[in-house]
Protein backbone atom coordinates (compact mmCIF):
# COMPACT_ATOMS: atom_id res chain seq x y z
CA PHE A 1 147.92 265.66 325.40
CA GLU A 2 144.85 263.61 325.36
CA GLY A 3 143.01 265.87 323.11
CA SER A 4 146.11 265.97 320.39
CA GLU A 5 146.05 261.93 320.45
CA LYS A 6 142.09 261.98 319.87
CA ILE A 7 142.62 264.35 316.82
CA ALA A 8 145.44 262.41 315.31
CA ASP A 9 143.79 258.85 315.80
CA LEU A 10 140.56 260.62 313.93
CA LEU A 11 142.87 261.99 310.95
CA ILE A 12 144.26 258.71 310.62
CA GLU A 13 140.98 257.12 310.92
CA ASN A 14 139.62 258.96 307.90
CA GLY A 15 142.48 258.64 305.95
CA VAL A 16 144.74 261.69 306.96
CA THR A 17 148.49 260.84 306.37
CA VAL A 18 151.42 262.87 307.00
CA GLN A 19 152.09 263.44 303.38
CA GLU A 20 149.40 265.73 303.38
CA TRP A 21 150.35 268.52 305.79
CA ILE A 22 151.23 271.80 303.83
CA SER A 23 154.00 273.82 305.14
CA VAL A 24 153.56 277.32 305.81
CA ASP A 25 156.65 278.45 303.84
CA GLU A 26 155.42 276.22 300.90
CA ARG A 27 152.06 278.05 300.47
CA LEU A 28 149.00 279.46 302.85
CA PRO A 29 145.04 278.36 302.75
CA GLU A 30 142.88 280.79 301.33
CA VAL A 31 141.92 283.53 303.79
CA GLY A 32 138.70 283.09 305.80
CA GLY A 33 138.95 279.42 305.43
CA TYR A 34 139.19 277.06 307.99
CA VAL A 35 141.71 274.32 308.04
CA VAL A 36 143.24 271.76 310.86
CA CYS A 37 146.85 273.34 311.47
CA ILE A 38 150.03 272.29 313.78
CA ALA A 39 150.39 275.40 316.17
CA LYS A 40 150.86 276.86 319.51
CA ARG A 41 148.09 278.24 321.19
CA ASN A 42 150.33 281.11 322.87
CA PRO A 43 153.91 281.64 323.46
CA PHE A 44 153.99 278.87 326.11
CA SER A 45 152.47 276.20 325.01
CA ARG A 46 153.55 273.15 323.14
CA PHE A 47 152.68 272.77 319.65
CA MET A 48 149.58 270.75 318.61
CA PRO A 49 146.90 270.37 316.18
CA MET A 50 144.23 272.56 316.21
CA VAL A 51 141.20 273.89 314.03
CA ALA A 52 142.20 277.23 312.67
CA ARG A 53 141.29 280.35 310.39
CA ILE A 54 143.52 282.19 308.23
CA GLU A 55 142.75 286.29 308.25
CA LYS A 56 145.12 288.80 306.29
CA ASN A 57 146.47 289.75 309.66
CA GLY A 58 147.22 286.01 310.99
CA TRP A 59 146.26 282.95 312.26
CA VAL A 60 143.05 283.11 314.10
CA ASN A 61 141.57 280.37 316.96
CA PRO A 62 137.72 280.40 315.53
CA ILE A 63 136.54 279.79 319.40
CA THR A 64 138.18 282.69 320.91
CA GLU A 65 138.92 284.44 318.01
CA GLN A 66 142.33 285.42 319.19
CA TYR A 67 145.26 285.27 317.26
CA ILE A 68 147.56 281.94 317.53
CA SER A 69 151.25 282.90 318.00
CA GLU A 70 153.03 280.26 315.92
CA VAL A 71 151.86 278.12 312.75
CA THR A 72 154.03 275.60 311.22
CA HIS A 73 151.81 273.32 309.18
CA TRP A 74 148.53 273.10 307.87
CA MET A 75 146.10 270.79 305.82
CA PRO A 76 142.40 270.82 304.55
CA LEU A 77 139.64 269.81 306.98
CA PRO A 78 138.91 266.23 306.07
CA GLU A 79 135.77 265.64 304.22
CA ARG A 80 132.93 264.73 306.18
CA LEU A 81 133.71 262.07 308.84
CA LYS A 82 132.61 258.30 307.99
CA GLY A 83 129.33 257.15 309.75
CA GLU A 84 128.20 260.55 310.04
């Protein structure tokens, strides 16, 4: 997906590396916090990076407020982007 490539490029440009991804089996972020995650938007989509929020009942898309079907990995949002 073109959008996924742009997100990946942005993360790489700002020093985020693959080693920073955290498996959801390892640990979860704090409830209510926003993170970048690898997820399916719905059961029929492919896995892709997206911003999400975790609540006590699961992962939520902050734009649609709908639950996300599957999340495998996450990382904190990058610090403020360079040049902004």
